C-alpha atoms as a PDB file:
ATOM      1  CA  MET A   1     -42.193 -42.867 280.253  1.00  0.00           C
ATOM      2  CA  THR A   2     -39.750 -41.270 277.806  1.00  0.00           C
ATOM      3  CA  LYS A   3     -37.498 -38.578 279.132  1.00  0.00           C
ATOM      4  CA  ASP A   4     -37.313 -35.219 277.291  1.00  0.00           C
ATOM      5  CA  THR A   5     -33.749 -35.016 275.934  1.00  0.00           C
ATOM      6  CA  THR A   6     -33.698 -31.233 276.436  1.00  0.00           C
ATOM      7  CA  ASP A   7     -34.262 -31.581 280.171  1.00  0.00           C
ATOM      8  CA  ASN A   8     -33.520 -34.764 281.911  1.00  0.00           C
ATOM      9  CA  ARG A   9     -35.180 -33.501 285.019  1.00  0.00           C
ATOM     10  CA  ARG A  10     -38.674 -33.727 283.590  1.00  0.00           C
ATOM     11  CA  ALA A  11     -40.630 -36.623 282.037  1.00  0.00           C
ATOM     12  CA  ARG A  12     -42.679 -35.490 279.100  1.00  0.00           C
ATOM     13  CA  PRO A  13     -46.234 -37.050 278.865  1.00  0.00           C
ATOM     14  CA  SER A  14     -47.441 -38.728 275.719  1.00  0.00           C
ATOM     15  CA  PRO A  15     -48.587 -36.170 273.037  1.00  0.00           C
ATOM     16  CA  VAL A  16     -52.278 -35.139 273.416  1.00  0.00           C
ATOM     17  CA  PRO A  17     -53.768 -33.323 270.422  1.00  0.00           C
ATOM     18  CA  LEU A  18     -55.118 -29.878 271.377  1.00  0.00           C
ATOM     19  CA  GLY A  19     -58.626 -30.895 270.407  1.00  0.00           C
ATOM     20  CA  GLN A  20     -58.697 -33.935 272.703  1.00  0.00           C
ATOM     21  CA  ARG A  21     -57.913 -32.140 275.967  1.00  0.00           C
ATOM     22  CA  ARG A  22     -60.385 -32.622 278.799  1.00  0.00           C
ATOM     23  CA  PRO A  23     -61.271 -30.358 281.711  1.00  0.00           C
ATOM     24  CA  THR A  24     -58.824 -30.627 284.585  1.00  0.00           C
ATOM     25  CA  ASP A  25     -58.476 -29.215 288.050  1.00  0.00           C
ATOM     26  CA  GLY A  26     -57.240 -25.689 287.454  1.00  0.00           C
ATOM     27  CA  LYS A  27     -55.383 -25.741 290.800  1.00  0.00           C
ATOM     28  CA  GLN A  28     -52.946 -28.240 289.386  1.00  0.00           C
ATOM     29  CA  VAL A  29     -51.846 -26.211 286.379  1.00  0.00           C
ATOM     30  CA  THR A  30     -48.065 -25.575 286.675  1.00  0.00           C
ATOM     31  CA  ASP A  31     -46.644 -22.157 285.934  1.00  0.00           C
ATOM     32  CA  PRO A  32     -43.880 -21.960 283.331  1.00  0.00           C
ATOM     33  CA  CYS A  33     -40.488 -21.803 285.060  1.00  0.00           C
ATOM     34  CA  ALA A  34     -38.258 -20.553 282.217  1.00  0.00           C
ATOM     35  CA  ASP A  35     -38.405 -18.800 278.925  1.00  0.00           C
ATOM     36  CA  GLU A  36     -36.775 -21.181 276.551  1.00  0.00           C
ATOM     37  CA  GLY A  37     -37.308 -24.718 275.114  1.00  0.00           C
ATOM     38  CA  TRP A  38     -39.568 -27.289 276.743  1.00  0.00           C
ATOM     39  CA  GLU A  39     -39.397 -25.473 280.062  1.00  0.00           C
ATOM     40  CA  LEU A  40     -41.735 -22.798 278.621  1.00  0.00           C
ATOM     41  CA  ASP A  41     -44.710 -25.271 278.769  1.00  0.00           C
ATOM     42  CA  PRO A  42     -44.834 -28.416 280.845  1.00  0.00           C
ATOM     43  CA  GLY A  43     -47.734 -29.740 278.812  1.00  0.00           C
ATOM     44  CA  ALA A  44     -47.683 -32.436 276.126  1.00  0.00           C
ATOM     45  CA  VAL A  45     -46.635 -31.460 272.669  1.00  0.00           C
ATOM     46  CA  SER A  46     -49.078 -32.102 269.798  1.00  0.00           C
ATOM     47  CA  ASP A  47     -47.126 -33.702 266.968  1.00  0.00           C
ATOM     48  CA  GLU A  48     -49.942 -32.919 264.551  1.00  0.00           C
ATOM     49  CA  TYR A  49     -49.974 -29.225 265.529  1.00  0.00           C
ATOM     50  CA  ALA A  50     -46.197 -29.111 265.257  1.00  0.00           C
ATOM     51  CA  SER A  51     -46.354 -30.529 261.746  1.00  0.00           C
ATOM     52  CA  LEU A  52     -48.852 -27.769 260.784  1.00  0.00           C
ATOM     53  CA  VAL A  53     -46.500 -25.124 262.080  1.00  0.00           C
ATOM     54  CA  SER A  54     -43.682 -26.609 260.000  1.00  0.00           C
ATOM     55  CA  ARG A  55     -45.848 -26.345 256.900  1.00  0.00           C
ATOM     56  CA  GLN A  56     -46.767 -22.813 257.814  1.00  0.00           C
ATOM     57  CA  LEU A  57     -43.084 -21.817 258.021  1.00  0.00           C
ATOM     58  CA  ALA A  58     -42.586 -23.356 254.519  1.00  0.00           C
ATOM     59  CA  LEU A  59     -45.601 -21.418 253.128  1.00  0.00           C
ATOM     60  CA  LEU A  60     -44.065 -18.188 254.482  1.00  0.00           C
ATOM     61  CA  GLY A  61     -40.881 -18.908 252.450  1.00  0.00           C
ATOM     62  CA  GLU A  62     -38.807 -20.107 255.303  1.00  0.00           C
ATOM     63  CA  ASP A  63     -36.726 -23.347 255.642  1.00  0.00           C
ATOM     64  CA  PRO A  64     -38.117 -25.354 258.565  1.00  0.00           C
ATOM     65  CA  ALA A  65     -34.867 -27.411 258.520  1.00  0.00           C
ATOM     66  CA  ARG A  66     -32.497 -24.496 259.188  1.00  0.00           C
ATOM     67  CA  GLU A  67     -30.865 -24.387 262.580  1.00  0.00           C
ATOM     68  CA  GLY A  68     -32.870 -21.553 264.087  1.00  0.00           C
ATOM     69  CA  LEU A  69     -36.194 -23.118 263.083  1.00  0.00           C
ATOM     70  CA  VAL A  70     -35.689 -26.851 263.733  1.00  0.00           C
ATOM     71  CA  LYS A  71     -37.365 -26.801 267.144  1.00  0.00           C
ATOM     72  CA  THR A  72     -39.740 -23.921 266.377  1.00  0.00           C
ATOM     73  CA  PRO A  73     -42.774 -26.156 265.441  1.00  0.00           C
ATOM     74  CA  SER A  74     -42.564 -28.026 268.751  1.00  0.00           C
ATOM     75  CA  ARG A  75     -42.021 -24.816 270.694  1.00  0.00           C
ATOM     76  CA  VAL A  76     -45.074 -23.217 269.056  1.00  0.00           C
ATOM     77  CA  ALA A  77     -47.220 -26.294 269.724  1.00  0.00           C
ATOM     78  CA  ASN A  78     -46.010 -26.192 273.295  1.00  0.00           C
ATOM     79  CA  ALA A  79     -46.768 -22.459 273.631  1.00  0.00           C
ATOM     80  CA  MET A  80     -50.225 -22.811 272.156  1.00  0.00           C
ATOM     81  CA  GLU A  81     -50.993 -25.653 274.612  1.00  0.00           C
ATOM     82  CA  TRP A  82     -50.116 -23.217 277.386  1.00  0.00           C
ATOM     83  CA  LEU A  83     -51.831 -20.140 275.953  1.00  0.00           C
ATOM     84  CA  THR A  84     -55.092 -21.994 275.333  1.00  0.00           C
ATOM     85  CA  ARG A  85     -55.047 -24.197 278.433  1.00  0.00           C
ATOM     86  CA  GLY A  86     -58.425 -22.671 279.532  1.00  0.00           C
ATOM     87  CA  TYR A  87     -60.202 -25.123 277.233  1.00  0.00           C
ATOM     88  CA  GLY A  88     -59.069 -27.919 279.594  1.00  0.00           C
ATOM     89  CA  GLU A  89     -60.085 -26.091 282.768  1.00  0.00           C
ATOM     90  CA  CYS A  90     -63.394 -25.856 284.682  1.00  0.00           C
ATOM     91  CA  VAL A  91     -64.426 -22.964 286.842  1.00  0.00           C
ATOM     92  CA  GLU A  92     -65.987 -25.239 289.469  1.00  0.00           C
ATOM     93  CA  ASP A  93     -62.701 -27.148 289.828  1.00  0.00           C
ATOM     94  CA  VAL A  94     -60.682 -23.937 290.037  1.00  0.00           C
ATOM     95  CA  VAL A  95     -62.855 -22.602 292.862  1.00  0.00           C
ATOM     96  CA  GLY A  96     -62.992 -25.985 294.552  1.00  0.00           C
ATOM     97  CA  ASP A  97     -63.994 -25.814 298.229  1.00  0.00           C
ATOM     98  CA  ALA A  98     -62.861 -22.233 298.692  1.00  0.00           C
ATOM     99  CA  LEU A  99     -66.435 -20.998 299.399  1.00  0.00           C
ATOM    100  CA  PHE A 100     -67.060 -19.803 302.958  1.00  0.00           C
ATOM    101  CA  ALA A 101     -70.194 -18.800 304.845  1.00  0.00           C
ATOM    102  CA  GLU A 102     -70.016 -15.098 305.645  1.00  0.00           C
ATOM    103  CA  GLU A 103     -72.630 -12.478 306.452  1.00  0.00           C
ATOM    104  CA  HIS A 104     -70.417  -9.705 305.182  1.00  0.00           C
ATOM    105  CA  ARG A 105     -72.515  -7.840 302.538  1.00  0.00           C
ATOM    106  CA  ASN A 106     -70.224  -5.056 301.330  1.00  0.00           C
ATOM    107  CA  MET A 107     -68.459  -4.979 298.020  1.00  0.00           C
ATOM    108  CA  VAL A 108     -65.386  -7.139 297.515  1.00  0.00           C
ATOM    109  CA  MET A 109     -63.067  -6.151 294.639  1.00  0.00           C
ATOM    110  CA  VAL A 110     -59.871  -7.496 293.198  1.00  0.00           C
ATOM    111  CA  ARG A 111     -58.602  -4.988 290.673  1.00  0.00           C
ATOM    112  CA  ASP A 112     -55.659  -4.825 288.279  1.00  0.00           C
ATOM    113  CA  ILE A 113     -55.662  -8.568 287.529  1.00  0.00           C
ATOM    114  CA  GLU A 114     -53.122  -9.096 284.752  1.00  0.00           C
ATOM    115  CA  LEU A 115     -54.764 -10.640 281.746  1.00  0.00           C
ATOM    116  CA  TYR A 116     -53.358 -12.184 278.567  1.00  0.00           C
ATOM    117  CA  SER A 117     -55.485 -13.702 275.823  1.00  0.00           C
ATOM    118  CA  LEU A 118     -55.632 -14.348 272.093  1.00  0.00           C
ATOM    119  CA  CYS A 119     -57.952 -12.641 269.680  1.00  0.00           C
ATOM    120  CA  GLU A 120     -60.012 -15.271 267.844  1.00  0.00           C
ATOM    121  CA  HIS A 121     -60.036 -13.203 264.625  1.00  0.00           C
ATOM    122  CA  HIS A 122     -56.318 -13.056 264.009  1.00  0.00           C
ATOM    123  CA  MET A 123     -54.882 -15.174 266.870  1.00  0.00           C
ATOM    124  CA  LEU A 124     -52.817 -12.233 267.959  1.00  0.00           C
ATOM    125  CA  PRO A 125     -52.521 -11.350 271.705  1.00  0.00           C
ATOM    126  CA  PHE A 126     -54.512  -8.831 273.682  1.00  0.00           C
ATOM    127  CA  PHE A 127     -53.523  -7.957 277.136  1.00  0.00           C
ATOM    128  CA  GLY A 128     -54.463  -5.710 279.949  1.00  0.00           C
ATOM    129  CA  LYS A 129     -56.194  -5.758 283.347  1.00  0.00           C
ATOM    130  CA  ALA A 130     -59.436  -7.039 284.760  1.00  0.00           C
ATOM    131  CA  HIS A 131     -61.288  -5.480 287.717  1.00  0.00           C
ATOM    132  CA  VAL A 132     -63.684  -7.960 289.378  1.00  0.00           C
ATOM    133  CA  ALA A 133     -66.133  -7.210 292.150  1.00  0.00           C
ATOM    134  CA  TYR A 134     -69.086  -8.844 293.868  1.00  0.00           C
ATOM    135  CA  ILE A 135     -71.375  -8.275 296.772  1.00  0.00           C
ATOM    136  CA  PRO A 136     -71.727 -11.406 298.933  1.00  0.00           C
ATOM    137  CA  ASN A 137     -75.062 -12.991 299.618  1.00  0.00           C
ATOM    138  CA  GLY A 138     -74.217 -15.283 302.531  1.00  0.00           C
ATOM    139  CA  ARG A 139     -70.872 -16.551 301.344  1.00  0.00           C
ATOM    140  CA  ILE A 140     -67.548 -15.406 299.972  1.00  0.00           C
ATOM    141  CA  VAL A 141     -64.881 -16.938 297.820  1.00  0.00           C
ATOM    142  CA  GLY A 142     -61.118 -17.050 298.390  1.00  0.00           C
ATOM    143  CA  LEU A 143     -59.577 -13.949 296.867  1.00  0.00           C
ATOM    144  CA  SER A 144     -57.101 -15.870 294.790  1.00  0.00           C
ATOM    145  CA  LYS A 145     -60.011 -17.674 292.989  1.00  0.00           C
ATOM    146  CA  LEU A 146     -61.161 -14.462 291.239  1.00  0.00           C
ATOM    147  CA  PRO A 147     -57.878 -14.181 289.196  1.00  0.00           C
ATOM    148  CA  ARG A 148     -58.079 -17.946 288.535  1.00  0.00           C
ATOM    149  CA  ILE A 149     -61.527 -17.557 287.100  1.00  0.00           C
ATOM    150  CA  VAL A 150     -60.268 -14.804 284.834  1.00  0.00           C
ATOM    151  CA  GLU A 151     -57.514 -17.152 283.647  1.00  0.00           C
ATOM    152  CA  VAL A 152     -59.886 -19.938 282.769  1.00  0.00           C
ATOM    153  CA  TYR A 153     -61.658 -17.789 280.158  1.00  0.00           C
ATOM    154  CA  ALA A 154     -58.748 -15.592 279.123  1.00  0.00           C
ATOM    155  CA  ARG A 155     -56.670 -18.672 278.078  1.00  0.00           C
ATOM    156  CA  ARG A 156     -58.913 -19.382 275.196  1.00  0.00           C
ATOM    157  CA  LEU A 157     -59.464 -17.818 271.832  1.00  0.00           C
ATOM    158  CA  GLN A 158     -61.561 -14.784 272.736  1.00  0.00           C
ATOM    159  CA  VAL A 159     -63.184 -11.483 271.926  1.00  0.00           C
ATOM    160  CA  GLN A 160     -63.033  -9.057 274.812  1.00  0.00           C
ATOM    161  CA  GLY A 161     -66.721  -8.538 275.215  1.00  0.00           C
ATOM    162  CA  ARG A 162     -67.517 -12.219 275.460  1.00  0.00           C
ATOM    163  CA  LEU A 163     -64.577 -12.690 277.844  1.00  0.00           C
ATOM    164  CA  THR A 164     -65.996 -10.021 280.183  1.00  0.00           C
ATOM    165  CA  GLU A 165     -69.425 -11.631 280.100  1.00  0.00           C
ATOM    166  CA  GLU A 166     -68.098 -15.105 280.724  1.00  0.00           C
ATOM    167  CA  ILE A 167     -66.213 -14.040 283.824  1.00  0.00           C
ATOM    168  CA  ALA A 168     -69.186 -12.244 285.253  1.00  0.00           C
ATOM    169  CA  GLY A 169     -71.492 -15.212 284.465  1.00  0.00           C
ATOM    170  CA  ALA A 170     -69.139 -17.719 286.029  1.00  0.00           C
ATOM    171  CA  ILE A 171     -68.912 -15.747 289.286  1.00  0.00           C
ATOM    172  CA  GLN A 172     -72.717 -15.388 289.333  1.00  0.00           C
ATOM    173  CA  ARG A 173     -73.260 -19.120 288.728  1.00  0.00           C
ATOM    174  CA  VAL A 174     -70.670 -20.426 291.262  1.00  0.00           C
ATOM    175  CA  LEU A 175     -71.029 -17.796 294.077  1.00  0.00           C
ATOM    176  CA  GLU A 176     -74.654 -16.635 293.624  1.00  0.00           C
ATOM    177  CA  PRO A 177     -73.811 -13.197 295.037  1.00  0.00           C
ATOM    178  CA  ALA A 178     -76.126 -10.204 295.264  1.00  0.00           C
ATOM    179  CA  GLY A 179     -74.315  -8.580 292.414  1.00  0.00           C
ATOM    180  CA  VAL A 180     -71.248  -8.969 290.161  1.00  0.00           C
ATOM    181  CA  GLY A 181     -69.253  -6.376 288.175  1.00  0.00           C
ATOM    182  CA  VAL A 182     -66.381  -6.956 285.771  1.00  0.00           C
ATOM    183  CA  VAL A 183     -64.412  -4.370 283.839  1.00  0.00           C
ATOM    184  CA  ILE A 184     -61.613  -5.228 281.410  1.00  0.00           C
ATOM    185  CA  GLU A 185     -59.177  -2.719 279.946  1.00  0.00           C
ATOM    186  CA  ALA A 186     -56.934  -4.197 277.199  1.00  0.00           C
ATOM    187  CA  TYR A 187     -54.653  -3.422 274.314  1.00  0.00           C
ATOM    188  CA  HIS A 188     -55.080  -5.477 271.162  1.00  0.00           C
ATOM    189  CA  LEU A 189     -52.100  -6.273 268.950  1.00  0.00           C
ATOM    190  CA  CYS A 190     -54.433  -6.846 265.979  1.00  0.00           C
ATOM    191  CA  MET A 191     -55.001  -3.039 266.145  1.00  0.00           C
ATOM    192  CA  MET A 192     -51.463  -2.121 267.165  1.00  0.00           C
ATOM    193  CA  MET A 193     -49.135  -4.079 264.834  1.00  0.00           C
ATOM    194  CA  ARG A 194     -51.475  -4.496 261.791  1.00  0.00           C
ATOM    195  CA  GLY A 195     -54.504  -2.836 260.261  1.00  0.00           C
ATOM    196  CA  VAL A 196     -55.047   0.658 261.626  1.00  0.00           C
ATOM    197  CA  GLU A 197     -51.779   0.467 263.704  1.00  0.00           C
ATOM    198  CA  LYS A 198     -53.067   2.608 266.536  1.00  0.00           C
ATOM    199  CA  GLN A 199     -50.643   2.198 269.409  1.00  0.00           C
ATOM    200  CA  ASN A 200     -52.527   3.983 272.225  1.00  0.00           C
ATOM    201  CA  SER A 201     -56.056   2.734 271.729  1.00  0.00           C
ATOM    202  CA  LYS A 202     -57.398   0.932 274.804  1.00  0.00           C
ATOM    203  CA  THR A 203     -60.561  -1.175 274.658  1.00  0.00           C
ATOM    204  CA  ILE A 204     -62.812  -1.091 277.772  1.00  0.00           C
ATOM    205  CA  THR A 205     -65.686  -3.564 278.284  1.00  0.00           C
ATOM    206  CA  SER A 206     -67.935  -4.099 281.298  1.00  0.00           C
ATOM    207  CA  ALA A 207     -70.481  -6.688 282.481  1.00  0.00           C
ATOM    208  CA  VAL A 208     -72.735  -6.295 285.450  1.00  0.00           C
ATOM    209  CA  ARG A 209     -75.223  -8.604 287.207  1.00  0.00           C
ATOM    210  CA  GLY A 210     -77.755  -8.155 290.074  1.00  0.00           C
ATOM    211  CA  SER A 211     -77.349  -5.068 292.169  1.00  0.00           C
ATOM    212  CA  PHE A 212     -74.554  -3.722 290.029  1.00  0.00           C
ATOM    213  CA  ARG A 213     -77.019  -3.558 287.156  1.00  0.00           C
ATOM    214  CA  ASP A 214     -80.141  -2.556 289.087  1.00  0.00           C
ATOM    215  CA  ASP A 215     -78.748  -0.037 291.655  1.00  0.00           C
ATOM    216  CA  ALA A 216     -77.178   3.082 290.139  1.00  0.00           C
ATOM    217  CA  ARG A 217     -75.299   3.891 293.382  1.00  0.00           C
ATOM    218  CA  THR A 218     -73.754   0.424 293.549  1.00  0.00           C
ATOM    219  CA  ARG A 219     -72.793   0.564 289.936  1.00  0.00           C
ATOM    220  CA  ALA A 220     -71.233   4.042 290.389  1.00  0.00           C
ATOM    221  CA  GLU A 221     -69.237   2.885 293.393  1.00  0.00           C
ATOM    222  CA  PHE A 222     -67.935  -0.139 291.347  1.00  0.00           C
ATOM    223  CA  LEU A 223     -66.875   2.020 288.454  1.00  0.00           C
ATOM    224  CA  TYR A 224     -65.289   4.519 290.797  1.00  0.00           C
ATOM    225  CA  LEU A 225     -63.196   1.822 292.450  1.00  0.00           C
ATOM    226  CA  ALA A 226     -62.370   0.173 289.100  1.00  0.00           C
ATOM    227  CA  HIS A 227     -61.244   3.335 287.341  1.00  0.00           C
ATOM    228  CA  GLY A 228     -60.337   5.704 290.155  1.00  0.00           C
ATOM    229  CA  ARG A 229     -61.076   9.304 290.764  1.00  0.00           C
ATOM    230  CA  ASP A 230     -59.463  10.541 287.501  1.00  0.00           C
ATOM    231  CA  ALA A 231     -62.088   8.776 285.395  1.00  0.00           C
ATOM    232  CA  PHE A 232     -64.903  10.716 287.010  1.00  0.00           C
ATOM    233  CA  GLY A 233     -63.412  14.125 287.714  1.00  0.00           C
ATOM    234  CA  PRO A 234     -63.142  15.928 291.091  1.00  0.00           C
END
């Protein structure tokens, strides 16, 4: 295997085009360990994608051969591999065997899950927080698996409404709880740095299943916990 000349400590896999990635065990995804060069993304670089970035730079009026841009196409290809890694992940693999029999039937919530995604309309980032809750129906899931499920769908080209629905649907499918609720609050750079340029506009979306949809009191409790007292007054 060829060693990456920018970091002799890591062997770089053979390039795999973005469109040919296959689902992998989400538990094995490695977090980036630095903020520069190949260390930003341990995945394989797509040479075809890098060449497209080089052409894009030229179309913008830049010189892809100048010193500051020589490695930019590979860095961008690397970054996109990381930012869209959800296409190669499967919720069932992410959850794995972290399902446990439990008769606890009160609401379980993980709130303020950091979320980063890319808007599919402009491929600009949107970011914020997800609040995820469910009511067990005979079994629970490891708490860390809820943020991992969020990551599977956030790390794809998305619109916020669909992202919210996909997270709720995945939890319902894998865990089969009595109810599921998901709220996402996010800021969209496609609104902040272009177009209407509104810096303080937050988009809020929700998706509910089962008792969260059918029982007004359960839904109210979920929204209260997700947004806090300030959202509902004294």
